[in-house]
PDB file of N, CA and C in Angstrom:
ATOM      1  N   MET A   1     -29.600  28.097   1.111  1.00  0.00           N
ATOM      2  CA  MET A   1     -28.749  28.365  -0.035  1.00  0.00           C
ATOM      3  C   MET A   1     -29.372  29.487  -0.862  1.00  0.00           C
ATOM      4  N   ALA A   2     -28.635  30.529  -1.070  1.00  0.00           N
ATOM      5  CA  ALA A   2     -29.128  31.675  -1.826  1.00  0.00           C
ATOM      6  C   ALA A   2     -28.799  31.490  -3.310  1.00  0.00           C
ATOM      7  N   THR A   3     -29.764  31.824  -4.157  1.00  0.00           N
ATOM      8  CA  THR A   3     -29.532  31.757  -5.602  1.00  0.00           C
ATOM      9  C   THR A   3     -29.177  33.151  -6.096  1.00  0.00           C
ATOM     10  N   PRO A   4     -28.216  33.235  -6.991  1.00  0.00           N
ATOM     11  CA  PRO A   4     -27.846  34.558  -7.511  1.00  0.00           C
ATOM     12  C   PRO A   4     -28.962  35.130  -8.378  1.00  0.00           C
ATOM     13  N   ASP A   5     -29.072  36.432  -8.354  1.00  0.00           N
ATOM     14  CA  ASP A   5     -30.087  37.128  -9.150  1.00  0.00           C
ATOM     15  C   ASP A   5     -29.525  37.325 -10.564  1.00  0.00           C
ATOM     16  N   ILE A   6     -29.887  36.428 -11.473  1.00  0.00           N
ATOM     17  CA  ILE A   6     -29.396  36.487 -12.845  1.00  0.00           C
ATOM     18  C   ILE A   6     -30.493  37.064 -13.732  1.00  0.00           C
ATOM     19  N   ARG A   7     -30.146  38.097 -14.446  1.00  0.00           N
ATOM     20  CA  ARG A   7     -31.107  38.732 -15.353  1.00  0.00           C
ATOM     21  C   ARG A   7     -30.563  38.693 -16.773  1.00  0.00           C
ATOM     22  N   TYR A   8     -31.452  38.509 -17.706  1.00  0.00           N
ATOM     23  CA  TYR A   8     -31.082  38.475 -19.118  1.00  0.00           C
ATOM     24  C   TYR A   8     -30.813  39.889 -19.608  1.00  0.00           C
ATOM     25  N   ASP A   9     -29.677  40.086 -20.248  1.00  0.00           N
ATOM     26  CA  ASP A   9     -29.309  41.387 -20.798  1.00  0.00           C
ATOM     27  C   ASP A   9     -28.993  41.217 -22.282  1.00  0.00           C
ATOM     28  N   PRO A  10     -29.947  41.533 -23.172  1.00  0.00           N
ATOM     29  CA  PRO A  10     -29.705  41.331 -24.606  1.00  0.00           C
ATOM     30  C   PRO A  10     -28.547  42.177 -25.127  1.00  0.00           C
ATOM     31  N   GLY A  11     -28.317  43.327 -24.547  1.00  0.00           N
ATOM     32  CA  GLY A  11     -27.195  44.163 -24.971  1.00  0.00           C
ATOM     33  C   GLY A  11     -25.864  43.498 -24.688  1.00  0.00           C
ATOM     34  N   ALA A  12     -25.762  42.862 -23.532  1.00  0.00           N
ATOM     35  CA  ALA A  12     -24.525  42.157 -23.185  1.00  0.00           C
ATOM     36  C   ALA A  12     -24.315  40.963 -24.107  1.00  0.00           C
ATOM     37  N   ASP A  13     -25.390  40.263 -24.436  1.00  0.00           N
ATOM     38  CA  ASP A  13     -25.273  39.130 -25.358  1.00  0.00           C
ATOM     39  C   ASP A  13     -24.848  39.594 -26.744  1.00  0.00           C
ATOM     40  N   LEU A  14     -25.381  40.702 -27.200  1.00  0.00           N
ATOM     41  CA  LEU A  14     -25.009  41.234 -28.512  1.00  0.00           C
ATOM     42  C   LEU A  14     -23.541  41.645 -28.524  1.00  0.00           C
ATOM     43  N   ARG A  15     -23.109  42.309 -27.475  1.00  0.00           N
ATOM     44  CA  ARG A  15     -21.688  42.695 -27.385  1.00  0.00           C
ATOM     45  C   ARG A  15     -20.796  41.461 -27.380  1.00  0.00           C
ATOM     46  N   TRP A  16     -21.194  40.428 -26.617  1.00  0.00           N
ATOM     47  CA  TRP A  16     -20.408  39.200 -26.539  1.00  0.00           C
ATOM     48  C   TRP A  16     -20.277  38.583 -27.928  1.00  0.00           C
ATOM     49  N   LEU A  17     -21.375  38.552 -28.679  1.00  0.00           N
ATOM     50  CA  LEU A  17     -21.361  37.946 -30.007  1.00  0.00           C
ATOM     51  C   LEU A  17     -20.583  38.796 -31.004  1.00  0.00           C
ATOM     52  N   LEU A  18     -20.716  40.112 -30.934  1.00  0.00           N
ATOM     53  CA  LEU A  18     -19.996  40.987 -31.861  1.00  0.00           C
ATOM     54  C   LEU A  18     -18.487  40.945 -31.641  1.00  0.00           C
ATOM     55  N   LEU A  19     -18.068  40.615 -30.436  1.00  0.00           N
ATOM     56  CA  LEU A  19     -16.642  40.476 -30.158  1.00  0.00           C
ATOM     57  C   LEU A  19     -16.095  39.129 -30.624  1.00  0.00           C
ATOM     58  N   ARG A  20     -16.973  38.235 -31.048  1.00  0.00           N
ATOM     59  CA  ARG A  20     -16.592  36.911 -31.538  1.00  0.00           C
ATOM     60  C   ARG A  20     -17.257  36.654 -32.891  1.00  0.00           C
ATOM     61  N   PRO A  21     -16.834  37.382 -33.934  1.00  0.00           N
ATOM     62  CA  PRO A  21     -17.519  37.266 -35.227  1.00  0.00           C
ATOM     63  C   PRO A  21     -17.397  35.881 -35.856  1.00  0.00           C
ATOM     64  N   TRP A  22     -16.365  35.128 -35.511  1.00  0.00           N
ATOM     65  CA  TRP A  22     -16.220  33.794 -36.076  1.00  0.00           C
ATOM     66  C   TRP A  22     -17.372  32.884 -35.641  1.00  0.00           C
ATOM     67  N   LEU A  23     -17.925  33.102 -34.453  1.00  0.00           N
ATOM     68  CA  LEU A  23     -19.067  32.313 -34.013  1.00  0.00           C
ATOM     69  C   LEU A  23     -20.317  32.677 -34.816  1.00  0.00           C
ATOM     70  N   LEU A  24     -20.499  33.956 -35.018  1.00  0.00           N
ATOM     71  CA  LEU A  24     -21.652  34.424 -35.788  1.00  0.00           C
ATOM     72  C   LEU A  24     -21.561  33.937 -37.228  1.00  0.00           C
ATOM     73  N   LEU A  25     -20.400  34.066 -37.841  1.00  0.00           N
ATOM     74  CA  LEU A  25     -20.246  33.664 -39.240  1.00  0.00           C
ATOM     75  C   LEU A  25     -20.389  32.164 -39.417  1.00  0.00           C
ATOM     76  N   SER A  26     -19.817  31.394 -38.500  1.00  0.00           N
ATOM     77  CA  SER A  26     -19.934  29.942 -38.632  1.00  0.00           C
ATOM     78  C   SER A  26     -21.384  29.495 -38.486  1.00  0.00           C
ATOM     79  N   ARG A  27     -22.103  30.095 -37.563  1.00  0.00           N
ATOM     80  CA  ARG A  27     -23.516  29.743 -37.382  1.00  0.00           C
ATOM     81  C   ARG A  27     -24.334  30.173 -38.593  1.00  0.00           C
ATOM     82  N   LEU A  28     -24.022  31.327 -39.136  1.00  0.00           N
ATOM     83  CA  LEU A  28     -24.717  31.813 -40.320  1.00  0.00           C
ATOM     84  C   LEU A  28     -24.491  30.878 -41.514  1.00  0.00           C
ATOM     85  N   VAL A  29     -23.271  30.400 -41.668  1.00  0.00           N
ATOM     86  CA  VAL A  29     -22.967  29.458 -42.751  1.00  0.00           C
ATOM     87  C   VAL A  29     -23.778  28.181 -42.584  1.00  0.00           C
ATOM     88  N   VAL A  30     -23.863  27.661 -41.375  1.00  0.00           N
ATOM     89  CA  VAL A  30     -24.623  26.431 -41.124  1.00  0.00           C
ATOM     90  C   VAL A  30     -26.101  26.634 -41.445  1.00  0.00           C
ATOM     91  N   VAL A  31     -26.659  27.733 -40.991  1.00  0.00           N
ATOM     92  CA  VAL A  31     -28.085  28.004 -41.231  1.00  0.00           C
ATOM     93  C   VAL A  31     -28.352  28.179 -42.729  1.00  0.00           C
ATOM     94  N   LEU A  32     -27.509  28.931 -43.415  1.00  0.00           N
ATOM     95  CA  LEU A  32     -27.700  29.135 -44.854  1.00  0.00           C
ATOM     96  C   LEU A  32     -27.546  27.830 -45.619  1.00  0.00           C
ATOM     97  N   TRP A  33     -26.591  26.993 -45.223  1.00  0.00           N
ATOM     98  CA  TRP A  33     -26.398  25.693 -45.873  1.00  0.00           C
ATOM     99  C   TRP A  33     -27.653  24.832 -45.726  1.00  0.00           C
ATOM    100  N   GLN A  34     -28.234  24.815 -44.538  1.00  0.00           N
ATOM    101  CA  GLN A  34     -29.446  24.036 -44.307  1.00  0.00           C
ATOM    102  C   GLN A  34     -30.618  24.574 -45.133  1.00  0.00           C
ATOM    103  N   LEU A  35     -30.765  25.886 -45.199  1.00  0.00           N
ATOM    104  CA  LEU A  35     -31.847  26.471 -45.984  1.00  0.00           C
ATOM    105  C   LEU A  35     -31.679  26.202 -47.477  1.00  0.00           C
ATOM    106  N   LEU A  36     -30.451  26.301 -47.967  1.00  0.00           N
ATOM    107  CA  LEU A  36     -30.202  26.018 -49.375  1.00  0.00           C
ATOM    108  C   LEU A  36     -30.438  24.539 -49.692  1.00  0.00           C
ATOM    109  N   SER A  37     -30.070  23.664 -48.770  1.00  0.00           N
ATOM    110  CA  SER A  37     -30.315  22.237 -48.962  1.00  0.00           C
ATOM    111  C   SER A  37     -31.816  21.956 -49.033  1.00  0.00           C
ATOM    112  N   LEU A  38     -32.567  22.569 -48.150  1.00  0.00           N
ATOM    113  CA  LEU A  38     -34.017  22.402 -48.158  1.00  0.00           C
ATOM    114  C   LEU A  38     -34.612  22.932 -49.454  1.00  0.00           C
ATOM    115  N   ALA A  39     -34.166  24.099 -49.896  1.00  0.00           N
ATOM    116  CA  ALA A  39     -34.678  24.676 -51.137  1.00  0.00           C
ATOM    117  C   ALA A  39     -34.371  23.773 -52.321  1.00  0.00           C
ATOM    118  N   LEU A  40     -33.179  23.199 -52.355  1.00  0.00           N
ATOM    119  CA  LEU A  40     -32.814  22.292 -53.440  1.00  0.00           C
ATOM    120  C   LEU A  40     -33.703  21.055 -53.448  1.00  0.00           C
ATOM    121  N   VAL A  41     -33.952  20.476 -52.290  1.00  0.00           N
ATOM    122  CA  VAL A  41     -34.828  19.299 -52.203  1.00  0.00           C
ATOM    123  C   VAL A  41     -36.234  19.654 -52.668  1.00  0.00           C
ATOM    124  N   LEU A  42     -36.734  20.796 -52.254  1.00  0.00           N
ATOM    125  CA  LEU A  42     -38.084  21.202 -52.656  1.00  0.00           C
ATOM    126  C   LEU A  42     -38.177  21.437 -54.160  1.00  0.00           C
ATOM    127  N   VAL A  43     -37.160  22.021 -54.751  1.00  0.00           N
ATOM    128  CA  VAL A  43     -37.154  22.251 -56.196  1.00  0.00           C
ATOM    129  C   VAL A  43     -37.111  20.929 -56.941  1.00  0.00           C
ATOM    130  N   VAL A  44     -36.258  20.022 -56.501  1.00  0.00           N
ATOM    131  CA  VAL A  44     -36.141  18.726 -57.182  1.00  0.00           C
ATOM    132  C   VAL A  44     -37.440  17.948 -57.043  1.00  0.00           C
ATOM    133  N   GLN A  45     -38.026  17.923 -55.867  1.00  0.00           N
ATOM    134  CA  GLN A  45     -39.289  17.206 -55.675  1.00  0.00           C
ATOM    135  C   GLN A  45     -40.428  17.882 -56.410  1.00  0.00           C
ATOM    136  N   GLY A  46     -40.399  19.193 -56.517  1.00  0.00           N
ATOM    137  CA  GLY A  46     -41.458  19.908 -57.218  1.00  0.00           C
ATOM    138  C   GLY A  46     -41.409  19.661 -58.711  1.00  0.00           C
ATOM    139  N   ASN A  47     -40.232  19.383 -59.248  1.00  0.00           N
ATOM    140  CA  ASN A  47     -40.094  19.115 -60.673  1.00  0.00           C
ATOM    141  C   ASN A  47     -40.227  17.635 -61.005  1.00  0.00           C
ATOM    142  N   SER A  48     -40.487  16.813 -60.024  1.00  0.00           N
ATOM    143  CA  SER A  48     -40.595  15.370 -60.234  1.00  0.00           C
ATOM    144  C   SER A  48     -41.913  15.024 -60.922  1.00  0.00           C
ATOM    145  N   ARG A  49     -41.860  14.041 -61.808  1.00  0.00           N
ATOM    146  CA  ARG A  49     -43.080  13.571 -62.484  1.00  0.00           C
ATOM    147  C   ARG A  49     -43.723  12.401 -61.747  1.00  0.00           C
ATOM    148  N   ASP A  50     -43.090  11.955 -60.664  1.00  0.00           N
ATOM    149  CA  ASP A  50     -43.593  10.843 -59.887  1.00  0.00           C
ATOM    150  C   ASP A  50     -44.817  11.298 -59.083  1.00  0.00           C
ATOM    151  N   PRO A  51     -45.976  10.639 -59.249  1.00  0.00           N
ATOM    152  CA  PRO A  51     -47.181  11.066 -58.525  1.00  0.00           C
ATOM    153  C   PRO A  51     -47.098  10.859 -57.009  1.00  0.00           C
ATOM    154  N   LYS A  52     -46.178  10.021 -56.544  1.00  0.00           N
ATOM    155  CA  LYS A  52     -46.042   9.777 -55.099  1.00  0.00           C
ATOM    156  C   LYS A  52     -45.279  10.909 -54.419  1.00  0.00           C
ATOM    157  N   GLY A  53     -44.595  11.737 -55.159  1.00  0.00           N
ATOM    158  CA  GLY A  53     -43.974  12.884 -54.570  1.00  0.00           C
ATOM    159  C   GLY A  53     -42.512  12.825 -54.486  1.00  0.00           C
TER     160      GLY A  53
END
């Protein structure tokens, strides 16, 4: 059984993603939401007077 010669092409992946901006934007929204959530938790915990954290 012969395996196909598959090579990674970053240019092709970039073109594929640029032709589907809704995928890029939705992923960006998810990542930003997670980062903002983490920042909010860190700010709230940093301002806490509880010695346990």
